[in-house]
Protein backbone atom coordinates (compact mmCIF):
# COMPACT_ATOMS: atom_id res chain seq x y z
CA MET A 1 -145.32 -40.77 -40.83
CA SER A 2 -146.51 -40.24 -44.40
CA LYS A 3 -144.93 -37.56 -46.60
CA SER A 4 -148.34 -35.90 -46.97
CA VAL A 5 -148.86 -35.55 -43.22
CA LYS A 6 -145.30 -34.27 -42.78
CA ARG A 7 -145.96 -31.69 -45.54
CA VAL A 8 -149.04 -30.46 -43.65
CA GLU A 9 -147.05 -30.15 -40.42
CA ASN A 10 -144.19 -28.33 -42.19
CA THR A 11 -146.59 -25.95 -43.94
CA ALA A 12 -148.37 -25.19 -40.66
CA GLN A 13 -145.03 -24.41 -39.04
CA GLN A 14 -144.02 -22.14 -41.96
CA LEU A 15 -147.36 -20.31 -41.63
CA GLY A 16 -146.92 -19.88 -37.87
CA LEU A 17 -149.88 -22.16 -37.20
CA ASP A 18 -149.45 -24.34 -34.12
CA ILE A 19 -151.15 -27.66 -34.84
CA ALA A 20 -150.94 -31.17 -33.47
CA VAL A 21 -151.77 -33.85 -36.01
CA VAL A 22 -153.81 -36.60 -34.41
CA ARG A 23 -153.70 -40.07 -35.95
CA MET A 24 -156.99 -41.85 -35.41
CA PRO A 25 -157.10 -45.64 -35.07
CA GLU A 26 -159.85 -45.74 -37.66
CA SER A 27 -160.72 -43.84 -40.81
CA THR A 28 -161.90 -40.25 -40.65
CA ARG A 29 -162.73 -40.29 -44.36
CA THR A 30 -166.35 -39.14 -43.81
CA ALA A 31 -167.53 -36.21 -41.72
CA GLU A 32 -169.54 -38.54 -39.51
CA GLU A 33 -166.53 -40.82 -38.87
CA ALA A 34 -164.36 -37.81 -38.14
CA ALA A 35 -166.84 -36.28 -35.69
CA VAL A 36 -167.06 -39.51 -33.71
CA ALA A 37 -163.29 -39.91 -33.67
CA CYS A 38 -162.68 -36.26 -32.68
CA GLY A 39 -165.48 -36.13 -30.13
CA CYS A 40 -167.07 -33.08 -31.71
CA ASP A 41 -170.20 -32.08 -33.58
CA VAL A 42 -170.28 -33.00 -37.26
CA ALA A 43 -170.67 -29.26 -38.02
CA GLN A 44 -167.09 -28.78 -36.71
CA ILE A 45 -165.63 -31.13 -39.31
CA VAL A 46 -164.03 -29.45 -42.32
CA LYS A 47 -164.83 -31.32 -45.51
CA SER A 48 -162.12 -30.47 -48.05
CA LEU A 49 -163.95 -30.79 -51.35
CA ILE A 50 -162.03 -30.30 -54.56
CA PHE A 51 -163.84 -29.19 -57.69
CA GLU A 52 -162.66 -28.20 -61.12
CA GLY A 53 -163.78 -25.01 -62.78
CA VAL A 54 -165.65 -26.01 -65.94
CA ASP A 55 -164.35 -23.01 -67.91
CA SER A 56 -160.89 -22.52 -66.38
CA GLY A 57 -159.97 -26.10 -65.54
CA ALA A 58 -158.51 -24.73 -62.29
CA LEU A 59 -158.99 -26.63 -59.08
CA LYS A 60 -161.15 -25.00 -56.41
CA LEU A 61 -161.00 -26.11 -52.78
CA LEU A 62 -164.23 -25.72 -50.83
CA LEU A 63 -163.84 -26.07 -47.07
CA VAL A 64 -167.35 -27.06 -46.07
CA SER A 65 -168.95 -27.81 -42.71
CA GLY A 66 -169.54 -31.52 -42.20
CA ALA A 67 -173.20 -30.70 -41.55
CA ASN A 68 -173.63 -29.11 -45.00
CA THR A 69 -173.81 -30.28 -48.57
CA VAL A 70 -172.72 -28.27 -51.57
CA ASP A 71 -175.31 -26.96 -54.02
CA LEU A 72 -173.18 -26.79 -57.17
CA ASP A 73 -175.37 -24.15 -58.82
CA LYS A 74 -175.26 -21.91 -55.76
CA ALA A 75 -171.52 -22.48 -55.29
CA ALA A 76 -170.86 -21.66 -58.95
CA GLY A 77 -172.37 -18.23 -58.43
CA GLN A 78 -170.03 -17.65 -55.50
CA VAL A 79 -166.79 -18.93 -57.03
CA GLY A 80 -167.34 -17.36 -60.45
CA GLU A 81 -167.82 -20.39 -62.69
CA LYS A 82 -169.61 -23.72 -62.94
CA LEU A 83 -167.99 -26.53 -60.99
CA ALA A 84 -167.51 -30.22 -61.68
CA ARG A 85 -166.05 -32.91 -59.45
CA ALA A 86 -162.31 -33.04 -59.99
CA ASP A 87 -160.66 -36.21 -61.22
CA ALA A 88 -158.95 -38.11 -58.38
CA ARG A 89 -155.69 -38.30 -60.36
CA ALA A 90 -155.69 -34.52 -60.94
CA VAL A 91 -156.36 -33.93 -57.23
CA ARG A 92 -153.40 -36.12 -56.28
CA GLU A 93 -151.08 -34.52 -58.86
CA LYS A 94 -151.94 -30.90 -58.05
CA THR A 95 -152.48 -31.07 -54.30
CA GLY A 96 -150.30 -34.02 -53.35
CA PHE A 97 -153.19 -35.54 -51.41
CA ALA A 98 -155.53 -38.42 -52.13
CA ILE A 99 -159.26 -37.77 -51.90
CA GLY A 100 -160.28 -38.46 -48.30
CA GLY A 101 -157.13 -36.90 -46.90
CA VAL A 102 -157.02 -33.53 -48.67
CA ALA A 103 -155.79 -30.97 -46.18
CA PRO A 104 -156.62 -27.26 -46.36
CA ILE A 105 -152.87 -26.47 -46.35
CA GLY A 106 -149.72 -28.00 -47.81
CA HIS A 107 -150.76 -28.35 -51.44
CA MET A 108 -148.13 -29.03 -54.10
CA THR A 109 -149.48 -26.13 -56.18
CA PRO A 110 -151.65 -23.19 -55.04
CA VAL A 111 -155.38 -23.90 -55.06
CA GLU A 112 -158.02 -21.18 -54.82
CA THR A 113 -159.79 -21.77 -51.53
CA PHE A 114 -163.28 -20.98 -50.24
CA ILE A 115 -164.62 -21.53 -46.71
CA ASP A 116 -168.17 -22.23 -45.58
CA ALA A 117 -169.46 -19.36 -43.43
CA ASP A 118 -170.94 -21.92 -41.01
CA LEU A 119 -167.43 -23.11 -40.07
CA LEU A 120 -166.60 -19.60 -38.90
CA ASP A 121 -169.26 -19.88 -36.17
CA HIS A 122 -167.07 -22.32 -34.20
CA ASP A 123 -164.10 -21.66 -31.94
CA THR A 124 -162.32 -24.69 -33.36
CA VAL A 125 -162.84 -27.10 -36.23
CA TRP A 126 -161.14 -30.33 -37.31
CA ALA A 127 -159.54 -30.68 -40.75
CA ALA A 128 -157.82 -33.47 -42.66
CA ALA A 129 -154.06 -33.60 -42.21
CA GLY A 130 -152.99 -35.40 -45.38
CA ALA A 131 -154.13 -38.97 -44.69
CA PRO A 132 -157.55 -40.63 -44.24
CA ASN A 133 -156.92 -41.14 -40.50
CA ALA A 134 -155.05 -37.91 -39.72
CA VAL A 135 -156.70 -34.67 -38.53
CA PHE A 136 -155.82 -31.45 -36.77
CA GLU A 137 -157.79 -28.92 -34.73
CA VAL A 138 -157.66 -25.28 -35.77
CA ASN A 139 -159.42 -21.97 -35.31
CA PRO A 140 -161.47 -21.52 -38.50
CA GLN A 141 -160.91 -17.75 -38.73
CA ARG A 142 -157.16 -18.32 -38.58
CA LEU A 143 -157.42 -21.09 -41.18
CA ALA A 144 -159.38 -18.80 -43.51
CA GLN A 145 -156.82 -16.04 -43.04
CA LEU A 146 -153.81 -18.27 -43.70
CA THR A 147 -155.32 -19.96 -46.77
CA GLY A 148 -156.68 -16.73 -48.23
CA ALA A 149 -160.08 -18.41 -48.32
CA LYS A 150 -163.08 -16.42 -49.48
CA THR A 151 -166.24 -16.94 -47.41
CA ILE A 152 -169.16 -18.66 -49.14
CA SER A 153 -172.52 -20.18 -48.19
CA PRO A 154 -172.61 -23.39 -50.22
């Protein structure tokens, strides 16, 4: 098991979140791949998108429904500053995850987190667990609570 996946499991346990990481035989790098592998609707897939605040340089994690795309101008108004795609190296250094496997929990350093309101409409959603083929199912309200995520409509 990779260190990243183990970190997600350990963090979940520390938070009192009961998860079971599922290793898929194929990649779940895209929302569509993940939905097929998980046997759910693409809207139940949590896309963990990392942006960098243009003014602050701080990373911002947007947990977005797999059915949605992010309008950067609209999102900027909701997170408080303009956003740019974060550099893959910075994402790895600050979160401990490679792009494609960024989990909503278990980051190396705290990352301000925002959650798509559409995810909150589901009983359960599927999120990355630290590797491109690892996911876990979770109640989105509980995930938002535990990550301190602010609700947005990207």
